[in-house]
C-alpha atoms as a PDB file:
ATOM      1  CA  UNK A   1      60.149-166.865 140.886  1.00  0.00           C
ATOM      2  CA  UNK A   2      57.092-165.636 139.145  1.00  0.00           C
ATOM      3  CA  UNK A   3      58.588-162.297 138.511  1.00  0.00           C
ATOM      4  CA  UNK A   4      57.201-160.296 135.422  1.00  0.00           C
ATOM      5  CA  UNK A   5      59.289-161.150 132.328  1.00  0.00           C
ATOM      6  CA  UNK A   6      61.651-158.199 130.913  1.00  0.00           C
ATOM      7  CA  UNK A   7      60.072-156.029 128.376  1.00  0.00           C
ATOM      8  CA  UNK A   8      62.202-157.569 125.627  1.00  0.00           C
ATOM      9  CA  UNK A   9      60.648-160.891 126.217  1.00  0.00           C
ATOM     10  CA  UNK A  10      57.238-159.892 125.069  1.00  0.00           C
ATOM     11  CA  UNK A  11      58.623-157.426 122.141  1.00  0.00           C
ATOM     12  CA  UNK A  12      60.914-160.172 120.567  1.00  0.00           C
ATOM     13  CA  UNK A  13      59.502-163.456 121.582  1.00  0.00           C
ATOM     14  CA  UNK A  14      55.637-162.632 122.437  1.00  0.00           C
ATOM     15  CA  UNK A  15      53.927-163.757 125.434  1.00  0.00           C
ATOM     16  CA  UNK A  16      52.366-167.117 123.829  1.00  0.00           C
ATOM     17  CA  UNK A  17      55.742-168.136 122.528  1.00  0.00           C
ATOM     18  CA  UNK A  18      57.451-167.521 126.037  1.00  0.00           C
ATOM     19  CA  UNK A  19      54.647-169.234 127.954  1.00  0.00           C
ATOM     20  CA  UNK A  20      55.768-172.890 127.235  1.00  0.00           C
ATOM     21  CA  UNK A  21      58.960-172.051 128.870  1.00  0.00           C
ATOM     22  CA  UNK A  22      57.068-170.595 131.819  1.00  0.00           C
ATOM     23  CA  UNK A  23      55.137-173.741 132.119  1.00  0.00           C
ATOM     24  CA  UNK A  24      58.444-175.957 131.831  1.00  0.00           C
ATOM     25  CA  UNK A  25      59.924-174.198 134.600  1.00  0.00           C
ATOM     26  CA  UNK A  26      57.141-174.058 136.962  1.00  0.00           C
ATOM     27  CA  UNK A  27      56.660-170.214 136.376  1.00  0.00           C
ATOM     28  CA  UNK A  28      60.289-169.458 137.289  1.00  0.00           C
ATOM     29  CA  UNK A  29      60.865-166.304 134.855  1.00  0.00           C
ATOM     30  CA  UNK A  30      64.673-166.359 135.315  1.00  0.00           C
ATOM     31  CA  UNK A  31      64.853-170.171 134.644  1.00  0.00           C
ATOM     32  CA  UNK A  32      62.323-169.845 131.889  1.00  0.00           C
ATOM     33  CA  UNK A  33      64.620-167.195 130.235  1.00  0.00           C
ATOM     34  CA  UNK A  34      67.642-169.325 130.421  1.00  0.00           C
ATOM     35  CA  UNK A  35      65.750-172.274 129.017  1.00  0.00           C
ATOM     36  CA  UNK A  36      64.620-170.274 126.113  1.00  0.00           C
ATOM     37  CA  UNK A  37      68.291-169.420 125.407  1.00  0.00           C
ATOM     38  CA  UNK A  38      69.431-173.034 125.742  1.00  0.00           C
ATOM     39  CA  UNK A  39      66.615-173.955 123.561  1.00  0.00           C
ATOM     40  CA  UNK A  40      67.833-171.520 120.862  1.00  0.00           C
ATOM     41  CA  UNK A  41      71.561-172.771 121.095  1.00  0.00           C
ATOM     42  CA  UNK A  42      70.785-176.479 120.829  1.00  0.00           C
ATOM     43  CA  UNK A  43      68.341-175.905 118.096  1.00  0.00           C
ATOM     44  CA  UNK A  44      70.960-173.867 116.192  1.00  0.00           C
ATOM     45  CA  UNK A  45      73.677-176.746 116.943  1.00  0.00           C
ATOM     46  CA  UNK A  46      71.128-179.415 115.451  1.00  0.00           C
ATOM     47  CA  UNK A  47      71.032-177.499 112.086  1.00  0.00           C
ATOM     48  CA  UNK A  48      74.660-178.730 111.346  1.00  0.00           C
ATOM     49  CA  UNK A  49      73.956-182.565 111.375  1.00  0.00           C
ATOM     50  CA  UNK A  50      70.435-182.115 109.940  1.00  0.00           C
ATOM     51  CA  UNK A  51      72.045-180.351 106.851  1.00  0.00           C
ATOM     52  CA  UNK A  52      74.538-183.137 106.193  1.00  0.00           C
ATOM     53  CA  UNK A  53      71.435-185.812 106.490  1.00  0.00           C
ATOM     54  CA  UNK A  54      69.171-183.892 104.271  1.00  0.00           C
ATOM     55  CA  UNK A  55      71.824-183.334 101.394  1.00  0.00           C
ATOM     56  CA  UNK A  56      73.041-187.058 101.873  1.00  0.00           C
ATOM     57  CA  UNK A  57      69.404-188.278 101.623  1.00  0.00           C
ATOM     58  CA  UNK A  58      68.370-186.417  98.519  1.00  0.00           C
ATOM     59  CA  UNK A  59      71.449-186.767  96.596  1.00  0.00           C
ATOM     60  CA  UNK A  60      71.671-190.732  97.268  1.00  0.00           C
ATOM     61  CA  UNK A  61      67.988-191.067  96.285  1.00  0.00           C
ATOM     62  CA  UNK A  62      68.441-188.606  93.390  1.00  0.00           C
ATOM     63  CA  UNK A  63      71.518-190.575  92.016  1.00  0.00           C
ATOM     64  CA  UNK A  64      69.699-193.996  92.512  1.00  0.00           C
ATOM     65  CA  UNK A  65      66.604-192.924  90.755  1.00  0.00           C
ATOM     66  CA  UNK A  66      68.404-191.179  87.775  1.00  0.00           C
ATOM     67  CA  UNK A  67      70.256-194.367  87.353  1.00  0.00           C
ATOM     68  CA  UNK A  68      67.245-196.530  87.390  1.00  0.00           C
ATOM     69  CA  UNK A  69      65.217-194.465  84.904  1.00  0.00           C
ATOM     70  CA  UNK A  70      68.193-193.583  82.766  1.00  0.00           C
ATOM     71  CA  UNK A  71      67.470-189.797  83.103  1.00  0.00           C
ATOM     72  CA  UNK A  72      68.474-186.843  85.428  1.00  0.00           C
ATOM     73  CA  UNK A  73      64.939-185.785  85.678  1.00  0.00           C
ATOM     74  CA  UNK A  74      63.684-189.022  86.668  1.00  0.00           C
ATOM     75  CA  UNK A  75      60.427-187.818  88.050  1.00  0.00           C
ATOM     76  CA  UNK A  76      59.104-187.454  84.446  1.00  0.00           C
ATOM     77  CA  UNK A  77      59.129-191.302  84.094  1.00  0.00           C
ATOM     78  CA  UNK A  78      58.736-192.287  87.845  1.00  0.00           C
ATOM     79  CA  UNK A  79      55.420-193.477  88.878  1.00  0.00           C
ATOM     80  CA  UNK A  80      54.688-190.805  91.384  1.00  0.00           C
ATOM     81  CA  UNK A  81      51.243-190.514  92.872  1.00  0.00           C
ATOM     82  CA  UNK A  82      49.420-187.177  92.620  1.00  0.00           C
ATOM     83  CA  UNK A  83      50.767-185.946  95.686  1.00  0.00           C
ATOM     84  CA  UNK A  84      54.305-186.582  94.446  1.00  0.00           C
ATOM     85  CA  UNK A  85      53.359-184.935  91.171  1.00  0.00           C
ATOM     86  CA  UNK A  86      51.922-181.967  92.906  1.00  0.00           C
ATOM     87  CA  UNK A  87      55.102-181.511  95.034  1.00  0.00           C
ATOM     88  CA  UNK A  88      57.423-181.406  91.907  1.00  0.00           C
ATOM     89  CA  UNK A  89      54.977-178.947  90.174  1.00  0.00           C
ATOM     90  CA  UNK A  90      55.307-176.707  93.249  1.00  0.00           C
ATOM     91  CA  UNK A  91      59.223-177.030  93.114  1.00  0.00           C
ATOM     92  CA  UNK A  92      58.962-176.032  89.448  1.00  0.00           C
ATOM     93  CA  UNK A  93      56.688-172.960  90.062  1.00  0.00           C
ATOM     94  CA  UNK A  94      59.125-171.825  92.774  1.00  0.00           C
ATOM     95  CA  UNK A  95      62.095-172.066  90.432  1.00  0.00           C
ATOM     96  CA  UNK A  96      60.235-170.116  87.808  1.00  0.00           C
ATOM     97  CA  UNK A  97      59.652-167.196  90.169  1.00  0.00           C
ATOM     98  CA  UNK A  98      63.326-167.313  91.357  1.00  0.00           C
ATOM     99  CA  UNK A  99      65.270-167.402  88.141  1.00  0.00           C
ATOM    100  CA  UNK A 100      64.911-166.356  84.602  1.00  0.00           C
ATOM    101  CA  UNK A 101      66.280-169.426  82.887  1.00  0.00           C
ATOM    102  CA  UNK A 102      65.186-172.864  81.879  1.00  0.00           C
ATOM    103  CA  UNK A 103      65.121-175.173  84.736  1.00  0.00           C
ATOM    104  CA  UNK A 104      67.844-177.828  85.090  1.00  0.00           C
ATOM    105  CA  UNK A 105      67.362-181.181  86.938  1.00  0.00           C
ATOM    106  CA  UNK A 106      69.770-180.154  89.644  1.00  0.00           C
ATOM    107  CA  UNK A 107      67.628-177.042  90.372  1.00  0.00           C
ATOM    108  CA  UNK A 108      64.575-179.201  90.925  1.00  0.00           C
ATOM    109  CA  UNK A 109      66.306-181.616  93.084  1.00  0.00           C
ATOM    110  CA  UNK A 110      67.505-178.933  95.276  1.00  0.00           C
ATOM    111  CA  UNK A 111      64.152-177.233  95.373  1.00  0.00           C
ATOM    112  CA  UNK A 112      62.465-180.514  96.554  1.00  0.00           C
ATOM    113  CA  UNK A 113      61.611-180.442 100.315  1.00  0.00           C
ATOM    114  CA  UNK A 114      63.062-183.034 102.825  1.00  0.00           C
ATOM    115  CA  UNK A 115      59.800-184.234 103.325  1.00  0.00           C
ATOM    116  CA  UNK A 116      59.331-185.204  99.661  1.00  0.00           C
ATOM    117  CA  UNK A 117      62.394-187.364  99.512  1.00  0.00           C
ATOM    118  CA  UNK A 118      61.229-189.106 102.502  1.00  0.00           C
ATOM    119  CA  UNK A 119      57.860-189.890 101.265  1.00  0.00           C
ATOM    120  CA  UNK A 120      59.424-191.718  98.583  1.00  0.00           C
ATOM    121  CA  UNK A 121      60.478-194.342 101.168  1.00  0.00           C
ATOM    122  CA  UNK A 122      56.657-194.643 102.477  1.00  0.00           C
ATOM    123  CA  UNK A 123      54.549-197.519 102.082  1.00  0.00           C
ATOM    124  CA  UNK A 124      52.583-196.399  99.057  1.00  0.00           C
ATOM    125  CA  UNK A 125      56.015-196.564  97.013  1.00  0.00           C
ATOM    126  CA  UNK A 126      57.169-199.977  98.322  1.00  0.00           C
ATOM    127  CA  UNK A 127      56.559-201.844  95.059  1.00  0.00           C
ATOM    128  CA  UNK A 128      57.077-199.087  92.569  1.00  0.00           C
ATOM    129  CA  UNK A 129      60.200-197.471  94.051  1.00  0.00           C
ATOM    130  CA  UNK A 130      61.748-199.166  96.975  1.00  0.00           C
ATOM    131  CA  UNK A 131      61.793-202.624  95.892  1.00  0.00           C
ATOM    132  CA  UNK A 132      63.360-201.857  92.455  1.00  0.00           C
ATOM    133  CA  UNK A 133      65.577-199.130  93.509  1.00  0.00           C
ATOM    134  CA  UNK A 134      65.700-197.415  96.646  1.00  0.00           C
ATOM    135  CA  UNK A 135      66.597-200.405  98.845  1.00  0.00           C
ATOM    136  CA  UNK A 136      70.116-200.244  97.245  1.00  0.00           C
ATOM    137  CA  UNK A 137      70.532-196.972  99.259  1.00  0.00           C
ATOM    138  CA  UNK A 138      70.062-198.819 102.566  1.00  0.00           C
ATOM    139  CA  UNK A 139      71.314-202.341 101.978  1.00  0.00           C
ATOM    140  CA  UNK A 140      69.598-204.641 104.561  1.00  0.00           C
ATOM    141  CA  UNK A 141      67.483-201.938 106.210  1.00  0.00           C
ATOM    142  CA  UNK A 142      63.759-202.121 106.919  1.00  0.00           C
ATOM    143  CA  UNK A 143      61.914-199.417 104.988  1.00  0.00           C
ATOM    144  CA  UNK A 144      59.171-198.969 107.472  1.00  0.00           C
ATOM    145  CA  UNK A 145      61.747-198.396 110.329  1.00  0.00           C
ATOM    146  CA  UNK A 146      63.758-196.082 108.095  1.00  0.00           C
ATOM    147  CA  UNK A 147      60.634-194.190 107.191  1.00  0.00           C
ATOM    148  CA  UNK A 148      59.609-193.824 110.713  1.00  0.00           C
ATOM    149  CA  UNK A 149      63.018-192.485 111.677  1.00  0.00           C
ATOM    150  CA  UNK A 150      63.187-190.068 108.939  1.00  0.00           C
ATOM    151  CA  UNK A 151      59.660-188.843 109.952  1.00  0.00           C
ATOM    152  CA  UNK A 152      60.707-188.088 113.308  1.00  0.00           C
ATOM    153  CA  UNK A 153      63.772-186.269 112.061  1.00  0.00           C
ATOM    154  CA  UNK A 154      61.591-184.009 109.989  1.00  0.00           C
ATOM    155  CA  UNK A 155      59.390-183.150 112.459  1.00  0.00           C
ATOM    156  CA  UNK A 156      62.308-182.016 114.694  1.00  0.00           C
ATOM    157  CA  UNK A 157      63.607-180.246 111.577  1.00  0.00           C
ATOM    158  CA  UNK A 158      60.372-178.226 110.975  1.00  0.00           C
ATOM    159  CA  UNK A 159      60.212-177.367 114.691  1.00  0.00           C
ATOM    160  CA  UNK A 160      63.766-175.795 114.397  1.00  0.00           C
ATOM    161  CA  UNK A 161      63.101-174.067 111.308  1.00  0.00           C
ATOM    162  CA  UNK A 162      59.840-172.515 112.718  1.00  0.00           C
ATOM    163  CA  UNK A 163      61.532-171.462 116.045  1.00  0.00           C
ATOM    164  CA  UNK A 164      59.258-173.812 117.877  1.00  0.00           C
ATOM    165  CA  UNK A 165      60.453-175.283 121.348  1.00  0.00           C
ATOM    166  CA  UNK A 166      62.338-178.369 121.227  1.00  0.00           C
ATOM    167  CA  UNK A 167      63.565-178.649 124.732  1.00  0.00           C
ATOM    168  CA  UNK A 168      60.853-181.123 125.732  1.00  0.00           C
ATOM    169  CA  UNK A 169      61.753-183.904 123.097  1.00  0.00           C
ATOM    170  CA  UNK A 170      64.003-186.611 123.871  1.00  0.00           C
ATOM    171  CA  UNK A 171      66.911-184.811 122.256  1.00  0.00           C
ATOM    172  CA  UNK A 172      69.555-187.540 122.826  1.00  0.00           C
ATOM    173  CA  UNK A 173      67.423-189.988 121.119  1.00  0.00           C
ATOM    174  CA  UNK A 174      66.967-187.681 118.068  1.00  0.00           C
ATOM    175  CA  UNK A 175      70.502-187.024 117.969  1.00  0.00           C
ATOM    176  CA  UNK A 176      71.140-190.758 117.835  1.00  0.00           C
ATOM    177  CA  UNK A 177      68.584-191.279 115.118  1.00  0.00           C
ATOM    178  CA  UNK A 178      70.382-188.510 112.960  1.00  0.00           C
ATOM    179  CA  UNK A 179      73.738-190.177 113.342  1.00  0.00           C
ATOM    180  CA  UNK A 180      72.324-193.563 112.650  1.00  0.00           C
ATOM    181  CA  UNK A 181      70.873-192.605 109.460  1.00  0.00           C
ATOM    182  CA  UNK A 182      73.804-190.584 108.321  1.00  0.00           C
ATOM    183  CA  UNK A 183      76.036-193.570 108.917  1.00  0.00           C
ATOM    184  CA  UNK A 184      73.748-195.625 106.625  1.00  0.00           C
ATOM    185  CA  UNK A 185      74.271-192.969 103.880  1.00  0.00           C
ATOM    186  CA  UNK A 186      77.913-191.753 104.456  1.00  0.00           C
ATOM    187  CA  UNK A 187      80.187-192.990 107.295  1.00  0.00           C
ATOM    188  CA  UNK A 188      82.900-190.507 105.897  1.00  0.00           C
ATOM    189  CA  UNK A 189      80.836-187.579 106.648  1.00  0.00           C
ATOM    190  CA  UNK A 190      79.990-188.996 110.228  1.00  0.00           C
ATOM    191  CA  UNK A 191      83.843-188.975 110.774  1.00  0.00           C
ATOM    192  CA  UNK A 192      84.030-185.271 109.558  1.00  0.00           C
ATOM    193  CA  UNK A 193      80.958-184.176 111.356  1.00  0.00           C
ATOM    194  CA  UNK A 194      81.875-185.485 114.981  1.00  0.00           C
ATOM    195  CA  UNK A 195      84.448-183.064 115.865  1.00  0.00           C
ATOM    196  CA  UNK A 196      82.375-180.092 114.766  1.00  0.00           C
ATOM    197  CA  UNK A 197      79.073-181.235 116.211  1.00  0.00           C
ATOM    198  CA  UNK A 198      78.109-178.957 119.418  1.00  0.00           C
ATOM    199  CA  UNK A 199      74.826-180.731 120.238  1.00  0.00           C
ATOM    200  CA  UNK A 200      76.554-183.295 122.558  1.00  0.00           C
ATOM    201  CA  UNK A 201      78.213-180.573 124.612  1.00  0.00           C
ATOM    202  CA  UNK A 202      74.942-178.550 124.932  1.00  0.00           C
ATOM    203  CA  UNK A 203      73.036-181.621 126.055  1.00  0.00           C
ATOM    204  CA  UNK A 204      75.555-182.387 128.687  1.00  0.00           C
ATOM    205  CA  UNK A 205      75.549-178.819 130.069  1.00  0.00           C
ATOM    206  CA  UNK A 206      71.767-178.605 130.111  1.00  0.00           C
ATOM    207  CA  UNK A 207      71.163-176.991 133.459  1.00  0.00           C
ATOM    208  CA  UNK A 208      68.223-174.961 133.314  1.00  0.00           C
ATOM    209  CA  UNK A 209      65.442-176.296 136.162  1.00  0.00           C
ATOM    210  CA  UNK A 210      62.395-177.794 134.726  1.00  0.00           C
ATOM    211  CA  UNK A 211      59.216-178.610 136.438  1.00  0.00           C
ATOM    212  CA  UNK A 212      58.663-181.458 134.065  1.00  0.00           C
ATOM    213  CA  UNK A 213      61.100-183.921 132.638  1.00  0.00           C
ATOM    214  CA  UNK A 214      61.684-183.934 128.841  1.00  0.00           C
ATOM    215  CA  UNK A 215      59.193-186.268 127.390  1.00  0.00           C
ATOM    216  CA  UNK A 216      60.291-189.468 125.884  1.00  0.00           C
ATOM    217  CA  UNK A 217      58.959-191.045 122.810  1.00  0.00           C
ATOM    218  CA  UNK A 218      56.013-193.163 123.865  1.00  0.00           C
ATOM    219  CA  UNK A 219      52.982-194.825 122.250  1.00  0.00           C
ATOM    220  CA  UNK A 220      49.590-193.260 122.395  1.00  0.00           C
ATOM    221  CA  UNK A 221      46.267-194.349 121.914  1.00  0.00           C
ATOM    222  CA  UNK A 222      45.882-193.178 118.314  1.00  0.00           C
ATOM    223  CA  UNK A 223      46.369-195.340 115.156  1.00  0.00           C
ATOM    224  CA  UNK A 224      50.009-195.339 114.236  1.00  0.00           C
ATOM    225  CA  UNK A 225      49.311-196.434 111.050  1.00  0.00           C
ATOM    226  CA  UNK A 226      46.939-193.954 110.197  1.00  0.00           C
ATOM    227  CA  UNK A 227      49.137-191.261 111.487  1.00  0.00           C
ATOM    228  CA  UNK A 228      51.949-192.265 109.183  1.00  0.00           C
ATOM    229  CA  UNK A 229      49.601-192.321 106.191  1.00  0.00           C
ATOM    230  CA  UNK A 230      48.572-188.618 106.948  1.00  0.00           C
ATOM    231  CA  UNK A 231      52.221-187.760 107.523  1.00  0.00           C
ATOM    232  CA  UNK A 232      53.396-189.223 103.849  1.00  0.00           C
ATOM    233  CA  UNK A 233      50.688-186.821 102.515  1.00  0.00           C
ATOM    234  CA  UNK A 234      51.782-183.687 104.288  1.00  0.00           C
ATOM    235  CA  UNK A 235      55.724-184.177 104.653  1.00  0.00           C
ATOM    236  CA  UNK A 236      56.456-182.253 101.702  1.00  0.00           C
ATOM    237  CA  UNK A 237      55.042-179.076 103.308  1.00  0.00           C
ATOM    238  CA  UNK A 238      57.861-177.158 105.084  1.00  0.00           C
ATOM    239  CA  UNK A 239      55.195-175.554 107.492  1.00  0.00           C
ATOM    240  CA  UNK A 240      54.480-179.066 108.978  1.00  0.00           C
ATOM    241  CA  UNK A 241      54.649-179.816 112.514  1.00  0.00           C
ATOM    242  CA  UNK A 242      53.274-182.255 114.680  1.00  0.00           C
ATOM    243  CA  UNK A 243      51.749-182.028 118.140  1.00  0.00           C
ATOM    244  CA  UNK A 244      49.912-184.126 120.690  1.00  0.00           C
ATOM    245  CA  UNK A 245      46.421-182.643 121.022  1.00  0.00           C
ATOM    246  CA  UNK A 246      42.956-184.018 121.851  1.00  0.00           C
ATOM    247  CA  UNK A 247      44.346-187.129 123.016  1.00  0.00           C
ATOM    248  CA  UNK A 248      45.643-187.950 119.456  1.00  0.00           C
ATOM    249  CA  UNK A 249      48.344-186.758 117.026  1.00  0.00           C
ATOM    250  CA  UNK A 250      47.750-183.333 115.250  1.00  0.00           C
ATOM    251  CA  UNK A 251      49.403-182.072 112.150  1.00  0.00           C
ATOM    252  CA  UNK A 252      49.715-178.429 111.918  1.00  0.00           C
ATOM    253  CA  UNK A 253      50.407-176.072 109.379  1.00  0.00           C
ATOM    254  CA  UNK A 254      51.925-172.739 110.277  1.00  0.00           C
ATOM    255  CA  UNK A 255      50.709-173.621 113.780  1.00  0.00           C
ATOM    256  CA  UNK A 256      47.154-174.389 112.697  1.00  0.00           C
ATOM    257  CA  UNK A 257      45.880-177.817 113.153  1.00  0.00           C
ATOM    258  CA  UNK A 258      44.789-179.292 109.784  1.00  0.00           C
ATOM    259  CA  UNK A 259      43.811-182.907 110.760  1.00  0.00           C
ATOM    260  CA  UNK A 260      44.464-185.186 113.826  1.00  0.00           C
ATOM    261  CA  UNK A 261      44.717-188.815 114.069  1.00  0.00           C
ATOM    262  CA  UNK A 262      42.147-189.303 116.999  1.00  0.00           C
ATOM    263  CA  UNK A 263      42.456-191.485 120.044  1.00  0.00           C
ATOM    264  CA  UNK A 264      38.830-192.605 119.359  1.00  0.00           C
ATOM    265  CA  UNK A 265      40.004-193.800 115.775  1.00  0.00           C
ATOM    266  CA  UNK A 266      39.556-191.964 112.523  1.00  0.00           C
ATOM    267  CA  UNK A 267      40.456-188.398 112.254  1.00  0.00           C
ATOM    268  CA  UNK A 268      39.326-184.896 113.130  1.00  0.00           C
ATOM    269  CA  UNK A 269      39.514-182.550 110.085  1.00  0.00           C
ATOM    270  CA  UNK A 270      39.626-178.716 110.265  1.00  0.00           C
ATOM    271  CA  UNK A 271      37.024-177.126 107.957  1.00  0.00           C
ATOM    272  CA  UNK A 272      35.511-173.925 107.325  1.00  0.00           C
ATOM    273  CA  UNK A 273      32.473-173.650 109.674  1.00  0.00           C
ATOM    274  CA  UNK A 274      30.517-172.301 106.609  1.00  0.00           C
ATOM    275  CA  UNK A 275      30.781-175.474 104.826  1.00  0.00           C
ATOM    276  CA  UNK A 276      29.894-177.612 107.715  1.00  0.00           C
ATOM    277  CA  UNK A 277      26.176-178.396 106.801  1.00  0.00           C
ATOM    278  CA  UNK A 278      27.059-179.199 103.262  1.00  0.00           C
ATOM    279  CA  UNK A 279      29.755-181.326 104.303  1.00  0.00           C
ATOM    280  CA  UNK A 280      27.558-183.293 106.816  1.00  0.00           C
ATOM    281  CA  UNK A 281      24.837-183.782 104.020  1.00  0.00           C
ATOM    282  CA  UNK A 282      27.092-184.910 101.277  1.00  0.00           C
ATOM    283  CA  UNK A 283      29.869-186.910 102.889  1.00  0.00           C
ATOM    284  CA  UNK A 284      30.239-189.694 105.745  1.00  0.00           C
ATOM    285  CA  UNK A 285      31.589-187.187 108.081  1.00  0.00           C
ATOM    286  CA  UNK A 286      30.124-186.896 111.714  1.00  0.00           C
ATOM    287  CA  UNK A 287      29.848-183.642 113.848  1.00  0.00           C
ATOM    288  CA  UNK A 288      32.778-183.275 116.555  1.00  0.00           C
ATOM    289  CA  UNK A 289      31.639-182.944 120.256  1.00  0.00           C
ATOM    290  CA  UNK A 290      34.002-182.395 122.965  1.00  0.00           C
ATOM    291  CA  UNK A 291      33.113-181.966 126.651  1.00  0.00           C
ATOM    292  CA  UNK A 292      29.422-181.778 125.534  1.00  0.00           C
ATOM    293  CA  UNK A 293      30.222-178.762 122.943  1.00  0.00           C
ATOM    294  CA  UNK A 294      29.830-179.021 119.226  1.00  0.00           C
ATOM    295  CA  UNK A 295      32.803-177.954 117.525  1.00  0.00           C
ATOM    296  CA  UNK A 296      31.897-176.310 114.286  1.00  0.00           C
ATOM    297  CA  UNK A 297      35.164-175.917 112.847  1.00  0.00           C
ATOM    298  CA  UNK A 298      35.723-179.594 113.040  1.00  0.00           C
ATOM    299  CA  UNK A 299      34.491-182.736 111.623  1.00  0.00           C
ATOM    300  CA  UNK A 300      35.124-186.569 112.561  1.00  0.00           C
ATOM    301  CA  UNK A 301      35.610-189.031 109.813  1.00  0.00           C
ATOM    302  CA  UNK A 302      35.650-192.759 110.975  1.00  0.00           C
ATOM    303  CA  UNK A 303      38.220-195.338 110.045  1.00  0.00           C
ATOM    304  CA  UNK A 304      35.962-197.222 107.743  1.00  0.00           C
ATOM    305  CA  UNK A 305      35.534-194.259 105.563  1.00  0.00           C
ATOM    306  CA  UNK A 306      39.597-193.882 105.287  1.00  0.00           C
ATOM    307  CA  UNK A 307      40.583-197.129 104.249  1.00  0.00           C
ATOM    308  CA  UNK A 308      41.203-196.055 100.579  1.00  0.00           C
ATOM    309  CA  UNK A 309      44.163-193.802 100.188  1.00  0.00           C
ATOM    310  CA  UNK A 310      41.993-191.470  98.071  1.00  0.00           C
ATOM    311  CA  UNK A 311      39.663-191.134 100.751  1.00  0.00           C
ATOM    312  CA  UNK A 312      41.985-190.107 103.428  1.00  0.00           C
ATOM    313  CA  UNK A 313      43.976-187.764 100.691  1.00  0.00           C
ATOM    314  CA  UNK A 314      40.717-185.963 100.175  1.00  0.00           C
ATOM    315  CA  UNK A 315      40.174-185.296 103.736  1.00  0.00           C
ATOM    316  CA  UNK A 316      43.595-184.355 104.639  1.00  0.00           C
ATOM    317  CA  UNK A 317      43.896-181.888 101.662  1.00  0.00           C
ATOM    318  CA  UNK A 318      40.650-180.258 102.700  1.00  0.00           C
ATOM    319  CA  UNK A 319      42.008-179.648 106.203  1.00  0.00           C
ATOM    320  CA  UNK A 320      45.428-178.496 104.919  1.00  0.00           C
ATOM    321  CA  UNK A 321      43.594-176.243 102.514  1.00  0.00           C
ATOM    322  CA  UNK A 322      41.688-174.491 105.287  1.00  0.00           C
ATOM    323  CA  UNK A 323      44.655-174.239 107.729  1.00  0.00           C
ATOM    324  CA  UNK A 324      46.581-172.635 105.146  1.00  0.00           C
ATOM    325  CA  UNK A 325      44.040-169.768 105.142  1.00  0.00           C
ATOM    326  CA  UNK A 326      44.461-169.264 108.752  1.00  0.00           C
ATOM    327  CA  UNK A 327      46.845-166.634 110.207  1.00  0.00           C
ATOM    328  CA  UNK A 328      50.104-168.140 111.278  1.00  0.00           C
ATOM    329  CA  UNK A 329      50.584-168.798 115.037  1.00  0.00           C
END
């Protein structure tokens, strides 16, 4: 209890990455090490069902949109917004760097991120893609509930891919969500997956003592609808994670907060401190004050100044752009 961690912990994991496990186990070093190993095992096990779900979703949406627009490169005709077009362009740029041949539609489909495909089910595409086409992929299902479930899954996936802790999540609920969505897409794959899935066994034998029980999903004071709009704008970024912060929900890129749906309404946006005065003079943003201290690297934007999608997108992109310039955490 409270013993100094072995040298390999700081050398391989680093002290900041090991600290959450110590906190979760009340400072018990041996239990924290066991919890970290268990976290690694269960994260690796989740990769299998997540792989099946991501492939099933992207191929189902691609087939439906290719049929709807009568072309395999349907993104050339589909009414994608600027964010969607940017993600397609980024996928093409990455392909151009990886291969020395003309791009094929299948290459682009494979290069587009999980978040991109999920964004096609968001509210901003309800009339243009969901109603005329994508509802056929999920007969009788409610678009908003689907989008929320998939958004929760992509947050789990991103934490796993970035080697972040997942032990604090309600993993039984995450697992059930993955299966519920995969059943809608391909019951046959679910039948094949069940005997190969190691997640349930790992959840059953979860024995490391923890000082705090895993957090279940709960509502908090921030605006859920605003958080969903922010998530839609950032979901295509493979470095995206979410974290409760400042009493709200923060969206992080490579571990650095870009924007946060605030418990006080509106958002907190990460900025370059050197631009603070100019932005205060030229925009509707306010200084951010916490605990009586002005935070020079953040600005607050009120809900009334975020009603239009373009208003929110501009601030989210500003925060994301600055977060991407910071060293990864």
